[in-house]
Amino acid sequence: MHAQRFIETVTENGLLQLNVGKPKGARVEVIVLDYEESDPFEALHLAHLQERTAFAIDILANPAEDVWNEL
């Protein structure tokens, strides 16, 4: 799956026009979100970084620390 990101301004009559570079008849999914100055993918990136910390790798991923499976 290939995603494209557009940041556009809605015209006064509420319309948007996007050139997605697809042939006529191609089906695409469009999701409209209110634009915020912060990057919506920043939270995903931070979560990925948290998963890669020494604590997560050395302690949380250690099978010896997984005592909940013993219950």
N, C-alpha and C. Protein backbone atom coordinates (compact mmCIF):
# COMPACT_ATOMS: atom_id res chain seq x y z
N MET A 1 0.85 -1.18 0.00
CA MET A 1 0.00 0.00 0.00
C MET A 1 0.89 1.23 0.00
N HIS A 2 0.58 2.17 -0.85
CA HIS A 2 1.32 3.43 -0.95
C HIS A 2 0.41 4.55 -0.49
N ALA A 3 0.89 5.35 0.42
CA ALA A 3 0.09 6.47 0.95
C ALA A 3 0.66 7.78 0.45
N GLN A 4 -0.21 8.71 0.21
CA GLN A 4 0.18 10.07 -0.14
C GLN A 4 -0.45 10.99 0.88
N ARG A 5 0.28 12.01 1.25
CA ARG A 5 -0.25 12.97 2.22
C ARG A 5 -0.37 14.32 1.55
N PHE A 6 -1.54 14.92 1.66
CA PHE A 6 -1.81 16.23 1.11
C PHE A 6 -2.25 17.15 2.24
N ILE A 7 -1.75 18.34 2.25
CA ILE A 7 -2.26 19.37 3.16
C ILE A 7 -2.80 20.47 2.27
N GLU A 8 -4.11 20.59 2.26
CA GLU A 8 -4.78 21.51 1.35
C GLU A 8 -5.72 22.43 2.14
N THR A 9 -6.11 23.51 1.51
CA THR A 9 -7.07 24.44 2.10
C THR A 9 -8.41 24.28 1.40
N VAL A 10 -9.45 24.13 2.19
CA VAL A 10 -10.81 23.99 1.65
C VAL A 10 -11.23 25.33 1.05
N THR A 11 -11.83 25.28 -0.15
CA THR A 11 -12.30 26.50 -0.78
C THR A 11 -13.54 27.02 -0.06
N GLU A 12 -13.96 28.21 -0.40
CA GLU A 12 -15.11 28.81 0.28
C GLU A 12 -16.41 28.02 0.08
N ASN A 13 -16.48 27.20 -0.99
CA ASN A 13 -17.67 26.38 -1.18
C ASN A 13 -17.49 24.97 -0.63
N GLY A 14 -16.39 24.74 0.10
CA GLY A 14 -16.21 23.46 0.79
C GLY A 14 -15.62 22.35 -0.05
N LEU A 15 -15.04 22.68 -1.20
CA LEU A 15 -14.50 21.65 -2.08
C LEU A 15 -12.97 21.57 -2.00
N LEU A 16 -12.48 20.37 -2.27
CA LEU A 16 -11.05 20.12 -2.42
C LEU A 16 -10.83 19.47 -3.77
N GLN A 17 -9.70 19.74 -4.39
CA GLN A 17 -9.34 19.06 -5.62
C GLN A 17 -7.94 18.50 -5.42
N LEU A 18 -7.81 17.18 -5.59
CA LEU A 18 -6.53 16.50 -5.41
C LEU A 18 -6.12 15.82 -6.70
N ASN A 19 -4.86 15.93 -7.05
CA ASN A 19 -4.32 15.20 -8.18
C ASN A 19 -3.49 14.06 -7.59
N VAL A 20 -4.05 12.84 -7.60
CA VAL A 20 -3.40 11.71 -6.95
C VAL A 20 -2.54 10.88 -7.90
N GLY A 21 -2.54 11.21 -9.16
CA GLY A 21 -1.70 10.50 -10.12
C GLY A 21 -2.13 9.07 -10.39
N LYS A 22 -3.40 8.80 -10.28
CA LYS A 22 -3.94 7.46 -10.54
C LYS A 22 -4.75 7.51 -11.84
N PRO A 23 -4.87 6.38 -12.51
CA PRO A 23 -5.66 6.38 -13.75
C PRO A 23 -7.16 6.51 -13.44
N LYS A 24 -7.89 6.96 -14.44
CA LYS A 24 -9.33 7.10 -14.31
C LYS A 24 -9.94 5.76 -13.92
N GLY A 25 -10.83 5.77 -12.94
CA GLY A 25 -11.50 4.57 -12.48
C GLY A 25 -10.79 3.86 -11.33
N ALA A 26 -9.58 4.29 -10.99
CA ALA A 26 -8.88 3.66 -9.86
C ALA A 26 -9.62 3.98 -8.56
N ARG A 27 -9.72 2.98 -7.70
CA ARG A 27 -10.40 3.19 -6.42
C ARG A 27 -9.36 3.56 -5.37
N VAL A 28 -9.65 4.60 -4.60
CA VAL A 28 -8.77 5.05 -3.52
C VAL A 28 -9.63 5.32 -2.29
N GLU A 29 -8.99 5.33 -1.16
CA GLU A 29 -9.68 5.68 0.09
C GLU A 29 -9.20 7.06 0.51
N VAL A 30 -10.14 7.91 0.89
CA VAL A 30 -9.82 9.27 1.31
C VAL A 30 -10.25 9.44 2.76
N ILE A 31 -9.33 9.89 3.59
CA ILE A 31 -9.63 10.17 4.99
C ILE A 31 -9.34 11.64 5.21
N VAL A 32 -10.31 12.38 5.74
CA VAL A 32 -10.14 13.81 5.96
C VAL A 32 -10.03 14.07 7.45
N LEU A 33 -8.94 14.70 7.83
CA LEU A 33 -8.70 15.06 9.22
C LEU A 33 -8.49 16.56 9.31
N ASP A 34 -8.86 17.14 10.45
CA ASP A 34 -8.50 18.54 10.67
C ASP A 34 -6.99 18.62 10.80
N TYR A 35 -6.40 19.59 10.14
CA TYR A 35 -4.95 19.74 10.15
C TYR A 35 -4.51 20.44 11.43
N GLU A 36 -3.52 19.86 12.06
CA GLU A 36 -2.91 20.47 13.23
C GLU A 36 -1.45 20.72 12.89
N GLU A 37 -0.89 21.73 13.46
CA GLU A 37 0.50 22.07 13.16
C GLU A 37 1.46 20.95 13.55
N SER A 38 1.14 20.17 14.57
CA SER A 38 2.01 19.07 14.94
C SER A 38 1.80 17.89 13.99
N ASP A 39 2.81 17.08 13.85
CA ASP A 39 2.77 15.93 12.95
C ASP A 39 1.97 14.81 13.60
N PRO A 40 0.89 14.30 12.98
CA PRO A 40 0.10 13.24 13.59
C PRO A 40 0.88 11.93 13.72
N PHE A 41 1.94 11.79 12.95
CA PHE A 41 2.73 10.57 13.02
C PHE A 41 3.84 10.66 14.08
N GLU A 42 3.98 11.83 14.70
CA GLU A 42 5.00 12.01 15.72
C GLU A 42 4.78 11.08 16.90
N ALA A 43 3.52 10.89 17.31
CA ALA A 43 3.23 9.99 18.44
C ALA A 43 3.62 8.56 18.10
N LEU A 44 3.38 8.14 16.87
CA LEU A 44 3.79 6.80 16.46
C LEU A 44 5.30 6.65 16.48
N HIS A 45 5.98 7.68 16.04
CA HIS A 45 7.45 7.65 16.04
C HIS A 45 7.98 7.59 17.47
N LEU A 46 7.40 8.37 18.39
CA LEU A 46 7.83 8.34 19.78
C LEU A 46 7.55 6.99 20.42
N ALA A 47 6.42 6.37 20.10
CA ALA A 47 6.12 5.04 20.64
C ALA A 47 7.14 4.03 20.14
N HIS A 48 7.53 4.15 18.89
CA HIS A 48 8.55 3.24 18.34
C HIS A 48 9.87 3.43 19.07
N LEU A 49 10.24 4.68 19.35
CA LEU A 49 11.49 4.93 20.07
C LEU A 49 11.43 4.36 21.49
N GLN A 50 10.26 4.46 22.14
CA GLN A 50 10.12 3.92 23.49
C GLN A 50 10.28 2.41 23.50
N GLU A 51 9.84 1.76 22.45
CA GLU A 51 9.98 0.30 22.37
C GLU A 51 11.43 -0.12 22.22
N ARG A 52 12.27 0.78 21.81
CA ARG A 52 13.67 0.47 21.55
C ARG A 52 14.60 0.90 22.68
N THR A 53 14.07 1.32 23.82
CA THR A 53 14.93 1.72 24.93
C THR A 53 15.56 0.50 25.57
N ALA A 54 16.66 0.72 26.29
CA ALA A 54 17.36 -0.38 26.95
C ALA A 54 16.45 -1.08 27.94
N PHE A 55 15.61 -0.34 28.65
CA PHE A 55 14.69 -0.95 29.61
C PHE A 55 13.73 -1.90 28.90
N ALA A 56 13.16 -1.45 27.79
CA ALA A 56 12.21 -2.29 27.06
C ALA A 56 12.88 -3.53 26.49
N ILE A 57 14.09 -3.37 25.99
CA ILE A 57 14.78 -4.51 25.37
C ILE A 57 15.34 -5.46 26.43
N ASP A 58 16.01 -4.91 27.46
CA ASP A 58 16.69 -5.74 28.44
C ASP A 58 15.77 -6.32 29.52
N ILE A 59 14.77 -5.56 29.94
CA ILE A 59 13.91 -6.00 31.04
C ILE A 59 12.57 -6.52 30.53
N LEU A 60 11.83 -5.69 29.84
CA LEU A 60 10.48 -6.09 29.43
C LEU A 60 10.48 -7.24 28.44
N ALA A 61 11.47 -7.31 27.57
CA ALA A 61 11.52 -8.38 26.58
C ALA A 61 12.23 -9.64 27.09
N ASN A 62 12.72 -9.59 28.30
CA ASN A 62 13.44 -10.73 28.88
C ASN A 62 12.45 -11.81 29.31
N PRO A 63 12.53 -13.02 28.78
CA PRO A 63 11.60 -14.09 29.17
C PRO A 63 11.64 -14.40 30.66
N ALA A 64 12.77 -14.21 31.31
CA ALA A 64 12.87 -14.46 32.75
C ALA A 64 12.02 -13.49 33.56
N GLU A 65 11.75 -12.32 33.01
CA GLU A 65 10.94 -11.32 33.69
C GLU A 65 9.45 -11.52 33.42
N ASP A 66 9.09 -12.41 32.54
CA ASP A 66 7.68 -12.60 32.16
C ASP A 66 7.01 -13.56 33.12
N VAL A 67 6.77 -13.10 34.34
CA VAL A 67 6.19 -13.98 35.39
C VAL A 67 4.69 -14.16 35.21
N TRP A 68 4.05 -13.35 34.39
CA TRP A 68 2.59 -13.43 34.26
C TRP A 68 2.16 -14.70 33.56
N ASN A 69 3.01 -15.28 32.74
CA ASN A 69 2.66 -16.53 32.09
C ASN A 69 2.63 -17.71 33.04
N GLU A 70 3.19 -17.55 34.23
CA GLU A 70 3.24 -18.62 35.21
C GLU A 70 1.95 -18.72 36.03
N LEU A 71 1.11 -17.71 35.93
CA LEU A 71 -0.12 -17.69 36.74
C LEU A 71 -1.15 -18.66 36.23
